PDB file of N, CA and C in Angstrom:
ATOM      1  N   UNK A   1     -10.682 -46.205  -1.014  1.00  0.00           N
ATOM      2  CA  UNK A   1     -10.670 -47.038   0.172  1.00  0.00           C
ATOM      3  C   UNK A   1     -12.096 -47.487   0.464  1.00  0.00           C
ATOM      4  N   UNK A   2     -12.278 -48.761   0.529  1.00  0.00           N
ATOM      5  CA  UNK A   2     -13.591 -49.322   0.796  1.00  0.00           C
ATOM      6  C   UNK A   2     -13.841 -49.339   2.295  1.00  0.00           C
ATOM      7  N   UNK A   3     -15.002 -48.863   2.699  1.00  0.00           N
ATOM      8  CA  UNK A   3     -15.362 -48.847   4.111  1.00  0.00           C
ATOM      9  C   UNK A   3     -15.968 -50.171   4.548  1.00  0.00           C
ATOM     10  N   UNK A   4     -16.225 -50.262   5.795  1.00  0.00           N
ATOM     11  CA  UNK A   4     -16.856 -51.441   6.391  1.00  0.00           C
ATOM     12  C   UNK A   4     -18.365 -51.310   6.247  1.00  0.00           C
ATOM     13  N   UNK A   5     -19.036 -52.410   5.916  1.00  0.00           N
ATOM     14  CA  UNK A   5     -20.483 -52.406   5.783  1.00  0.00           C
ATOM     15  C   UNK A   5     -21.065 -53.442   6.734  1.00  0.00           C
ATOM     16  N   UNK A   6     -21.846 -52.987   7.707  1.00  0.00           N
ATOM     17  CA  UNK A   6     -22.359 -53.895   8.725  1.00  0.00           C
ATOM     18  C   UNK A   6     -23.342 -54.918   8.156  1.00  0.00           C
ATOM     19  N   UNK A   7     -24.046 -54.568   7.103  1.00  0.00           N
ATOM     20  CA  UNK A   7     -24.998 -55.513   6.514  1.00  0.00           C
ATOM     21  C   UNK A   7     -24.265 -56.619   5.752  1.00  0.00           C
ATOM     22  N   UNK A   8     -23.192 -56.257   5.066  1.00  0.00           N
ATOM     23  CA  UNK A   8     -22.365 -57.272   4.408  1.00  0.00           C
ATOM     24  C   UNK A   8     -21.727 -58.187   5.445  1.00  0.00           C
ATOM     25  N   UNK A   9     -21.288 -57.586   6.555  1.00  0.00           N
ATOM     26  CA  UNK A   9     -20.699 -58.390   7.628  1.00  0.00           C
ATOM     27  C   UNK A   9     -21.700 -59.417   8.147  1.00  0.00           C
ATOM     28  N   UNK A  10     -22.929 -58.970   8.403  1.00  0.00           N
ATOM     29  CA  UNK A  10     -23.957 -59.871   8.944  1.00  0.00           C
ATOM     30  C   UNK A  10     -24.253 -60.998   7.954  1.00  0.00           C
ATOM     31  N   UNK A  11     -24.317 -60.664   6.666  1.00  0.00           N
ATOM     32  CA  UNK A  11     -24.570 -61.676   5.635  1.00  0.00           C
ATOM     33  C   UNK A  11     -23.408 -62.665   5.557  1.00  0.00           C
ATOM     34  N   UNK A  12     -22.173 -62.151   5.572  1.00  0.00           N
ATOM     35  CA  UNK A  12     -20.995 -63.024   5.553  1.00  0.00           C
ATOM     36  C   UNK A  12     -20.947 -63.914   6.789  1.00  0.00           C
ATOM     37  N   UNK A  13     -21.276 -63.351   7.937  1.00  0.00           N
ATOM     38  CA  UNK A  13     -21.279 -64.123   9.180  1.00  0.00           C
ATOM     39  C   UNK A  13     -22.317 -65.234   9.117  1.00  0.00           C
ATOM     40  N   UNK A  14     -23.486 -64.913   8.618  1.00  0.00           N
ATOM     41  CA  UNK A  14     -24.547 -65.917   8.498  1.00  0.00           C
ATOM     42  C   UNK A  14     -24.110 -67.065   7.586  1.00  0.00           C
ATOM     43  N   UNK A  15     -23.503 -66.721   6.469  1.00  0.00           N
ATOM     44  CA  UNK A  15     -23.014 -67.757   5.542  1.00  0.00           C
ATOM     45  C   UNK A  15     -21.903 -68.585   6.182  1.00  0.00           C
ATOM     46  N   UNK A  16     -21.012 -67.916   6.898  1.00  0.00           N
ATOM     47  CA  UNK A  16     -19.914 -68.617   7.553  1.00  0.00           C
ATOM     48  C   UNK A  16     -20.429 -69.563   8.636  1.00  0.00           C
ATOM     49  N   UNK A  17     -21.437 -69.128   9.389  1.00  0.00           N
ATOM     50  CA  UNK A  17     -22.035 -69.990  10.414  1.00  0.00           C
ATOM     51  C   UNK A  17     -22.704 -71.187   9.757  1.00  0.00           C
ATOM     52  N   UNK A  18     -23.392 -70.939   8.669  1.00  0.00           N
ATOM     53  CA  UNK A  18     -24.055 -72.024   7.949  1.00  0.00           C
ATOM     54  C   UNK A  18     -23.044 -73.078   7.498  1.00  0.00           C
ATOM     55  N   UNK A  19     -21.939 -72.629   6.905  1.00  0.00           N
ATOM     56  CA  UNK A  19     -20.893 -73.561   6.476  1.00  0.00           C
ATOM     57  C   UNK A  19     -20.278 -74.280   7.668  1.00  0.00           C
ATOM     58  N   UNK A  20     -20.036 -73.543   8.739  1.00  0.00           N
ATOM     59  CA  UNK A  20     -19.449 -74.101   9.954  1.00  0.00           C
ATOM     60  C   UNK A  20     -20.330 -75.215  10.510  1.00  0.00           C
ATOM     61  N   UNK A  21     -21.634 -74.962  10.587  1.00  0.00           N
ATOM     62  CA  UNK A  21     -22.551 -75.970  11.131  1.00  0.00           C
ATOM     63  C   UNK A  21     -22.731 -77.145  10.179  1.00  0.00           C
ATOM     64  N   UNK A  22     -22.705 -76.877   8.893  1.00  0.00           N
ATOM     65  CA  UNK A  22     -22.832 -77.942   7.902  1.00  0.00           C
ATOM     66  C   UNK A  22     -21.630 -78.882   7.970  1.00  0.00           C
ATOM     67  N   UNK A  23     -20.452 -78.299   8.160  1.00  0.00           N
ATOM     68  CA  UNK A  23     -19.214 -79.090   8.191  1.00  0.00           C
ATOM     69  C   UNK A  23     -18.926 -79.713   9.549  1.00  0.00           C
ATOM     70  N   UNK A  24     -19.749 -79.403  10.544  1.00  0.00           N
ATOM     71  CA  UNK A  24     -19.481 -79.890  11.899  1.00  0.00           C
ATOM     72  C   UNK A  24     -20.409 -81.043  12.260  1.00  0.00           C
ATOM     73  N   UNK A  25     -20.089 -81.647  13.381  1.00  0.00           N
ATOM     74  CA  UNK A  25     -20.874 -82.782  13.868  1.00  0.00           C
ATOM     75  C   UNK A  25     -21.141 -82.587  15.365  1.00  0.00           C
ATOM     76  N   UNK A  26     -21.718 -81.436  15.717  1.00  0.00           N
ATOM     77  CA  UNK A  26     -21.972 -81.117  17.115  1.00  0.00           C
ATOM     78  C   UNK A  26     -23.298 -81.697  17.570  1.00  0.00           C
ATOM     79  N   UNK A  27     -23.352 -82.010  18.854  1.00  0.00           N
ATOM     80  CA  UNK A  27     -24.617 -82.391  19.465  1.00  0.00           C
ATOM     81  C   UNK A  27     -25.423 -81.115  19.677  1.00  0.00           C
ATOM     82  N   UNK A  28     -26.734 -81.226  19.773  1.00  0.00           N
ATOM     83  CA  UNK A  28     -27.598 -80.055  19.906  1.00  0.00           C
ATOM     84  C   UNK A  28     -27.231 -79.179  21.097  1.00  0.00           C
ATOM     85  N   UNK A  29     -26.799 -79.804  22.199  1.00  0.00           N
ATOM     86  CA  UNK A  29     -26.462 -79.009  23.376  1.00  0.00           C
ATOM     87  C   UNK A  29     -25.100 -78.323  23.261  1.00  0.00           C
ATOM     88  N   UNK A  30     -24.341 -78.629  22.222  1.00  0.00           N
ATOM     89  CA  UNK A  30     -23.037 -78.009  22.007  1.00  0.00           C
ATOM     90  C   UNK A  30     -23.083 -76.862  20.998  1.00  0.00           C
ATOM     91  N   UNK A  31     -24.142 -76.791  20.214  1.00  0.00           N
ATOM     92  CA  UNK A  31     -24.208 -75.854  19.096  1.00  0.00           C
ATOM     93  C   UNK A  31     -24.059 -74.407  19.552  1.00  0.00           C
ATOM     94  N   UNK A  32     -24.806 -73.994  20.576  1.00  0.00           N
ATOM     95  CA  UNK A  32     -24.752 -72.601  21.017  1.00  0.00           C
ATOM     96  C   UNK A  32     -23.338 -72.183  21.418  1.00  0.00           C
ATOM     97  N   UNK A  33     -22.658 -73.031  22.191  1.00  0.00           N
ATOM     98  CA  UNK A  33     -21.298 -72.711  22.631  1.00  0.00           C
ATOM     99  C   UNK A  33     -20.317 -72.667  21.459  1.00  0.00           C
ATOM    100  N   UNK A  34     -20.454 -73.608  20.547  1.00  0.00           N
ATOM    101  CA  UNK A  34     -19.557 -73.651  19.390  1.00  0.00           C
ATOM    102  C   UNK A  34     -19.773 -72.450  18.472  1.00  0.00           C
ATOM    103  N   UNK A  35     -21.015 -72.064  18.272  1.00  0.00           N
ATOM    104  CA  UNK A  35     -21.311 -70.900  17.433  1.00  0.00           C
ATOM    105  C   UNK A  35     -20.830 -69.629  18.116  1.00  0.00           C
ATOM    106  N   UNK A  36     -20.996 -69.539  19.412  1.00  0.00           N
ATOM    107  CA  UNK A  36     -20.501 -68.393  20.171  1.00  0.00           C
ATOM    108  C   UNK A  36     -18.987 -68.249  19.977  1.00  0.00           C
ATOM    109  N   UNK A  37     -18.262 -69.353  20.127  1.00  0.00           N
ATOM    110  CA  UNK A  37     -16.810 -69.339  19.933  1.00  0.00           C
ATOM    111  C   UNK A  37     -16.454 -68.967  18.494  1.00  0.00           C
ATOM    112  N   UNK A  38     -17.222 -69.475  17.553  1.00  0.00           N
ATOM    113  CA  UNK A  38     -16.989 -69.173  16.143  1.00  0.00           C
ATOM    114  C   UNK A  38     -17.173 -67.679  15.881  1.00  0.00           C
ATOM    115  N   UNK A  39     -18.214 -67.091  16.456  1.00  0.00           N
ATOM    116  CA  UNK A  39     -18.467 -65.661  16.284  1.00  0.00           C
ATOM    117  C   UNK A  39     -17.324 -64.844  16.891  1.00  0.00           C
ATOM    118  N   UNK A  40     -16.871 -65.231  18.070  1.00  0.00           N
ATOM    119  CA  UNK A  40     -15.738 -64.536  18.701  1.00  0.00           C
ATOM    120  C   UNK A  40     -14.528 -64.532  17.772  1.00  0.00           C
ATOM    121  N   UNK A  41     -14.245 -65.669  17.187  1.00  0.00           N
ATOM    122  CA  UNK A  41     -13.101 -65.792  16.293  1.00  0.00           C
ATOM    123  C   UNK A  41     -13.327 -64.972  15.012  1.00  0.00           C
ATOM    124  N   UNK A  42     -14.532 -65.009  14.485  1.00  0.00           N
ATOM    125  CA  UNK A  42     -14.865 -64.272  13.262  1.00  0.00           C
ATOM    126  C   UNK A  42     -14.721 -62.764  13.494  1.00  0.00           C
ATOM    127  N   UNK A  43     -15.231 -62.291  14.609  1.00  0.00           N
ATOM    128  CA  UNK A  43     -15.122 -60.869  14.944  1.00  0.00           C
ATOM    129  C   UNK A  43     -13.659 -60.494  15.170  1.00  0.00           C
ATOM    130  N   UNK A  44     -12.937 -61.350  15.857  1.00  0.00           N
ATOM    131  CA  UNK A  44     -11.522 -61.102  16.115  1.00  0.00           C
ATOM    132  C   UNK A  44     -10.755 -60.925  14.803  1.00  0.00           C
ATOM    133  N   UNK A  45     -11.092 -61.718  13.798  1.00  0.00           N
ATOM    134  CA  UNK A  45     -10.438 -61.605  12.495  1.00  0.00           C
ATOM    135  C   UNK A  45     -10.748 -60.276  11.810  1.00  0.00           C
ATOM    136  N   UNK A  46     -11.896 -59.695  12.110  1.00  0.00           N
ATOM    137  CA  UNK A  46     -12.290 -58.428  11.489  1.00  0.00           C
ATOM    138  C   UNK A  46     -11.541 -57.232  12.058  1.00  0.00           C
ATOM    139  N   UNK A  47     -11.031 -57.354  13.262  1.00  0.00           N
ATOM    140  CA  UNK A  47     -10.393 -56.205  13.916  1.00  0.00           C
ATOM    141  C   UNK A  47      -8.870 -56.337  13.997  1.00  0.00           C
ATOM    142  N   UNK A  48      -8.299 -57.119  13.119  1.00  0.00           N
ATOM    143  CA  UNK A  48      -6.844 -57.305  13.098  1.00  0.00           C
ATOM    144  C   UNK A  48      -6.144 -56.005  12.701  1.00  0.00           C
ATOM    145  N   UNK A  49      -6.698 -55.332  11.707  1.00  0.00           N
ATOM    146  CA  UNK A  49      -6.038 -54.140  11.173  1.00  0.00           C
ATOM    147  C   UNK A  49      -6.597 -52.872  11.808  1.00  0.00           C
ATOM    148  N   UNK A  50      -5.691 -52.030  12.226  1.00  0.00           N
ATOM    149  CA  UNK A  50      -6.016 -50.777  12.893  1.00  0.00           C
ATOM    150  C   UNK A  50      -6.971 -49.930  12.057  1.00  0.00           C
ATOM    151  N   UNK A  51      -6.708 -49.811  10.764  1.00  0.00           N
ATOM    152  CA  UNK A  51      -7.559 -48.982   9.897  1.00  0.00           C
ATOM    153  C   UNK A  51      -8.965 -49.558   9.794  1.00  0.00           C
ATOM    154  N   UNK A  52      -9.083 -50.861   9.802  1.00  0.00           N
ATOM    155  CA  UNK A  52     -10.408 -51.481   9.725  1.00  0.00           C
ATOM    156  C   UNK A  52     -11.192 -51.231  11.006  1.00  0.00           C
ATOM    157  N   UNK A  53     -10.513 -51.145  12.123  1.00  0.00           N
ATOM    158  CA  UNK A  53     -11.180 -50.834  13.391  1.00  0.00           C
ATOM    159  C   UNK A  53     -11.848 -49.467  13.319  1.00  0.00           C
ATOM    160  N   UNK A  54     -11.141 -48.489  12.743  1.00  0.00           N
ATOM    161  CA  UNK A  54     -11.733 -47.158  12.576  1.00  0.00           C
ATOM    162  C   UNK A  54     -12.922 -47.216  11.634  1.00  0.00           C
ATOM    163  N   UNK A  55     -12.825 -48.010  10.559  1.00  0.00           N
ATOM    164  CA  UNK A  55     -13.943 -48.150   9.621  1.00  0.00           C
ATOM    165  C   UNK A  55     -15.166 -48.754  10.300  1.00  0.00           C
ATOM    166  N   UNK A  56     -14.950 -49.743  11.144  1.00  0.00           N
ATOM    167  CA  UNK A  56     -16.047 -50.387  11.878  1.00  0.00           C
ATOM    168  C   UNK A  56     -16.724 -49.360  12.790  1.00  0.00           C
ATOM    169  N   UNK A  57     -15.930 -48.626  13.534  1.00  0.00           N
ATOM    170  CA  UNK A  57     -16.496 -47.638  14.465  1.00  0.00           C
ATOM    171  C   UNK A  57     -17.226 -46.521  13.718  1.00  0.00           C
ATOM    172  N   UNK A  58     -16.709 -46.137  12.553  1.00  0.00           N
ATOM    173  CA  UNK A  58     -17.401 -45.137  11.730  1.00  0.00           C
ATOM    174  C   UNK A  58     -18.742 -45.671  11.238  1.00  0.00           C
ATOM    175  N   UNK A  59     -18.755 -46.914  10.797  1.00  0.00           N
ATOM    176  CA  UNK A  59     -19.991 -47.524  10.288  1.00  0.00           C
ATOM    177  C   UNK A  59     -21.081 -47.560  11.356  1.00  0.00           C
ATOM    178  N   UNK A  60     -20.684 -47.829  12.576  1.00  0.00           N
ATOM    179  CA  UNK A  60     -21.657 -47.911  13.669  1.00  0.00           C
ATOM    180  C   UNK A  60     -21.850 -46.574  14.385  1.00  0.00           C
ATOM    181  N   UNK A  61     -21.175 -45.559  13.896  1.00  0.00           N
ATOM    182  CA  UNK A  61     -21.280 -44.210  14.430  1.00  0.00           C
ATOM    183  C   UNK A  61     -21.004 -44.163  15.935  1.00  0.00           C
ATOM    184  N   UNK A  62     -19.974 -44.882  16.329  1.00  0.00           N
ATOM    185  CA  UNK A  62     -19.542 -44.872  17.725  1.00  0.00           C
ATOM    186  C   UNK A  62     -18.809 -43.548  17.954  1.00  0.00           C
ATOM    187  N   UNK A  63     -19.288 -42.769  18.892  1.00  0.00           N
ATOM    188  CA  UNK A  63     -18.710 -41.436  19.068  1.00  0.00           C
ATOM    189  C   UNK A  63     -17.953 -41.252  20.390  1.00  0.00           C
ATOM    190  N   UNK A  64     -17.839 -42.302  21.165  1.00  0.00           N
ATOM    191  CA  UNK A  64     -16.977 -42.264  22.339  1.00  0.00           C
ATOM    192  C   UNK A  64     -16.458 -43.677  22.583  1.00  0.00           C
ATOM    193  N   UNK A  65     -15.652 -43.853  23.572  1.00  0.00           N
ATOM    194  CA  UNK A  65     -15.040 -45.162  23.788  1.00  0.00           C
ATOM    195  C   UNK A  65     -15.801 -46.021  24.788  1.00  0.00           C
ATOM    196  N   UNK A  66     -17.020 -45.656  25.097  1.00  0.00           N
ATOM    197  CA  UNK A  66     -17.812 -46.470  26.013  1.00  0.00           C
ATOM    198  C   UNK A  66     -18.325 -47.710  25.290  1.00  0.00           C
ATOM    199  N   UNK A  67     -18.166 -48.844  25.934  1.00  0.00           N
ATOM    200  CA  UNK A  67     -18.669 -50.109  25.405  1.00  0.00           C
ATOM    201  C   UNK A  67     -20.092 -50.267  25.920  1.00  0.00           C
ATOM    202  N   UNK A  68     -21.053 -50.227  25.025  1.00  0.00           N
ATOM    203  CA  UNK A  68     -22.463 -50.224  25.428  1.00  0.00           C
ATOM    204  C   UNK A  68     -22.845 -51.414  26.291  1.00  0.00           C
ATOM    205  N   UNK A  69     -22.386 -52.589  25.938  1.00  0.00           N
ATOM    206  CA  UNK A  69     -22.816 -53.796  26.639  1.00  0.00           C
ATOM    207  C   UNK A  69     -22.260 -53.907  28.056  1.00  0.00           C
ATOM    208  N   UNK A  70     -21.136 -53.242  28.327  1.00  0.00           N
ATOM    209  CA  UNK A  70     -20.529 -53.367  29.650  1.00  0.00           C
ATOM    210  C   UNK A  70     -20.557 -52.071  30.450  1.00  0.00           C
ATOM    211  N   UNK A  71     -20.699 -50.953  29.768  1.00  0.00           N
ATOM    212  CA  UNK A  71     -20.663 -49.663  30.441  1.00  0.00           C
ATOM    213  C   UNK A  71     -19.249 -49.200  30.760  1.00  0.00           C
ATOM    214  N   UNK A  72     -18.268 -50.021  30.434  1.00  0.00           N
ATOM    215  CA  UNK A  72     -16.870 -49.670  30.650  1.00  0.00           C
ATOM    216  C   UNK A  72     -16.345 -48.934  29.424  1.00  0.00           C
ATOM    217  N   UNK A  73     -15.148 -48.421  29.532  1.00  0.00           N
ATOM    218  CA  UNK A  73     -14.531 -47.704  28.421  1.00  0.00           C
ATOM    219  C   UNK A  73     -13.412 -48.534  27.807  1.00  0.00           C
ATOM    220  N   UNK A  74     -13.405 -48.587  26.487  1.00  0.00           N
ATOM    221  CA  UNK A  74     -12.346 -49.282  25.763  1.00  0.00           C
ATOM    222  C   UNK A  74     -11.044 -48.498  25.921  1.00  0.00           C
ATOM    223  N   UNK A  75      -9.940 -49.218  25.957  1.00  0.00           N
ATOM    224  CA  UNK A  75      -8.648 -48.564  26.113  1.00  0.00           C
ATOM    225  C   UNK A  75      -7.994 -48.252  24.771  1.00  0.00           C
ATOM    226  N   UNK A  76      -8.534 -48.817  23.681  1.00  0.00           N
ATOM    227  CA  UNK A  76      -7.984 -48.537  22.351  1.00  0.00           C
ATOM    228  C   UNK A  76      -9.056 -48.802  21.296  1.00  0.00           C
ATOM    229  N   UNK A  77      -8.781 -48.405  20.082  1.00  0.00           N
ATOM    230  CA  UNK A  77      -9.758 -48.514  19.004  1.00  0.00           C
ATOM    231  C   UNK A  77     -10.061 -49.975  18.654  1.00  0.00           C
ATOM    232  N   UNK A  78      -9.089 -50.846  18.799  1.00  0.00           N
ATOM    233  CA  UNK A  78      -9.306 -52.266  18.496  1.00  0.00           C
ATOM    234  C   UNK A  78     -10.315 -52.882  19.460  1.00  0.00           C
ATOM    235  N   UNK A  79     -10.177 -52.559  20.721  1.00  0.00           N
ATOM    236  CA  UNK A  79     -11.104 -53.068  21.733  1.00  0.00           C
ATOM    237  C   UNK A  79     -12.516 -52.530  21.498  1.00  0.00           C
ATOM    238  N   UNK A  80     -12.610 -51.244  21.169  1.00  0.00           N
ATOM    239  CA  UNK A  80     -13.910 -50.643  20.890  1.00  0.00           C
ATOM    240  C   UNK A  80     -14.561 -51.274  19.670  1.00  0.00           C
ATOM    241  N   UNK A  81     -13.793 -51.463  18.608  1.00  0.00           N
ATOM    242  CA  UNK A  81     -14.329 -52.077  17.384  1.00  0.00           C
ATOM    243  C   UNK A  81     -14.765 -53.518  17.648  1.00  0.00           C
ATOM    244  N   UNK A  82     -13.959 -54.259  18.404  1.00  0.00           N
ATOM    245  CA  UNK A  82     -14.303 -55.647  18.720  1.00  0.00           C
ATOM    246  C   UNK A  82     -15.649 -55.727  19.439  1.00  0.00           C
ATOM    247  N   UNK A  83     -15.806 -54.968  20.499  1.00  0.00           N
ATOM    248  CA  UNK A  83     -17.041 -55.027  21.283  1.00  0.00           C
ATOM    249  C   UNK A  83     -18.245 -54.512  20.483  1.00  0.00           C
ATOM    250  N   UNK A  84     -18.034 -53.488  19.687  1.00  0.00           N
ATOM    251  CA  UNK A  84     -19.117 -52.958  18.856  1.00  0.00           C
ATOM    252  C   UNK A  84     -19.581 -54.016  17.869  1.00  0.00           C
ATOM    253  N   UNK A  85     -18.646 -54.650  17.196  1.00  0.00           N
ATOM    254  CA  UNK A  85     -18.982 -55.666  16.199  1.00  0.00           C
ATOM    255  C   UNK A  85     -19.530 -56.930  16.853  1.00  0.00           C
ATOM    256  N   UNK A  86     -18.957 -57.319  17.977  1.00  0.00           N
ATOM    257  CA  UNK A  86     -19.430 -58.507  18.688  1.00  0.00           C
ATOM    258  C   UNK A  86     -20.876 -58.313  19.147  1.00  0.00           C
ATOM    259  N   UNK A  87     -21.177 -57.167  19.727  1.00  0.00           N
ATOM    260  CA  UNK A  87     -22.552 -56.895  20.174  1.00  0.00           C
ATOM    261  C   UNK A  87     -23.522 -56.944  19.002  1.00  0.00           C
ATOM    262  N   UNK A  88     -23.115 -56.394  17.880  1.00  0.00           N
ATOM    263  CA  UNK A  88     -23.951 -56.417  16.672  1.00  0.00           C
ATOM    264  C   UNK A  88     -24.177 -57.857  16.205  1.00  0.00           C
ATOM    265  N   UNK A  89     -23.136 -58.658  16.218  1.00  0.00           N
ATOM    266  CA  UNK A  89     -23.249 -60.049  15.787  1.00  0.00           C
ATOM    267  C   UNK A  89     -24.152 -60.849  16.726  1.00  0.00           C
ATOM    268  N   UNK A  90     -24.085 -60.552  18.014  1.00  0.00           N
ATOM    269  CA  UNK A  90     -24.856 -61.310  18.996  1.00  0.00           C
ATOM    270  C   UNK A  90     -26.332 -60.930  19.018  1.00  0.00           C
ATOM    271  N   UNK A  91     -26.697 -59.788  18.441  1.00  0.00           N
ATOM    272  CA  UNK A  91     -28.106 -59.374  18.409  1.00  0.00           C
ATOM    273  C   UNK A  91     -28.993 -60.453  17.805  1.00  0.00           C
ATOM    274  N   UNK A  92     -28.517 -61.090  16.769  1.00  0.00           N
ATOM    275  CA  UNK A  92     -29.317 -62.076  16.052  1.00  0.00           C
ATOM    276  C   UNK A  92     -28.785 -63.493  16.192  1.00  0.00           C
ATOM    277  N   UNK A  93     -28.041 -63.756  17.242  1.00  0.00           N
ATOM    278  CA  UNK A  93     -27.424 -65.080  17.389  1.00  0.00           C
ATOM    279  C   UNK A  93     -28.474 -66.194  17.341  1.00  0.00           C
ATOM    280  N   UNK A  94     -29.555 -66.049  18.083  1.00  0.00           N
ATOM    281  CA  UNK A  94     -30.595 -67.088  18.075  1.00  0.00           C
ATOM    282  C   UNK A  94     -31.168 -67.301  16.689  1.00  0.00           C
ATOM    283  N   UNK A  95     -31.422 -66.229  15.983  1.00  0.00           N
ATOM    284  CA  UNK A  95     -31.946 -66.332  14.613  1.00  0.00           C
ATOM    285  C   UNK A  95     -30.947 -66.996  13.687  1.00  0.00           C
ATOM    286  N   UNK A  96     -29.679 -66.624  13.811  1.00  0.00           N
ATOM    287  CA  UNK A  96     -28.651 -67.201  12.951  1.00  0.00           C
ATOM    288  C   UNK A  96     -28.526 -68.704  13.185  1.00  0.00           C
ATOM    289  N   UNK A  97     -28.582 -69.120  14.431  1.00  0.00           N
ATOM    290  CA  UNK A  97     -28.456 -70.556  14.742  1.00  0.00           C
ATOM    291  C   UNK A  97     -29.672 -71.306  14.209  1.00  0.00           C
ATOM    292  N   UNK A  98     -30.863 -70.800  14.444  1.00  0.00           N
ATOM    293  CA  UNK A  98     -32.082 -71.468  13.987  1.00  0.00           C
ATOM    294  C   UNK A  98     -32.136 -71.569  12.468  1.00  0.00           C
ATOM    295  N   UNK A  99     -31.730 -70.522  11.789  1.00  0.00           N
ATOM    296  CA  UNK A  99     -31.742 -70.532  10.327  1.00  0.00           C
ATOM    297  C   UNK A  99     -30.771 -71.566   9.753  1.00  0.00           C
ATOM    298  N   UNK A 100     -29.725 -71.860  10.501  1.00  0.00           N
ATOM    299  CA  UNK A 100     -28.669 -72.721   9.968  1.00  0.00           C
ATOM    300  C   UNK A 100     -28.665 -74.132  10.539  1.00  0.00           C
ATOM    301  N   UNK A 101     -29.685 -74.484  11.314  1.00  0.00           N
ATOM    302  CA  UNK A 101     -29.732 -75.852  11.858  1.00  0.00           C
ATOM    303  C   UNK A 101     -30.229 -76.802  10.808  1.00  0.00           C
TER     304      UNK A 101
END
């Protein structure tokens, strides 16, 4: 069973954003919102499967159900994995957008 790798995820996300921006025709003031929505959708696709959610949480060594960015507690593993992965993806959002403009 192959585990989740956060570095591979970040690389795949960067490539996906690059393709998304290359194939799009957004105005400069729309790019941030469109990329944000794209990241939400990309992360959502990663947490479809219950087993993958556990792999994501293991990779990030999440040891409780507290969502760091909100201080609230996730009600299930899918929610915890989503927020963990989303926060990780958003760490470098500015860099990802600048690299792909």
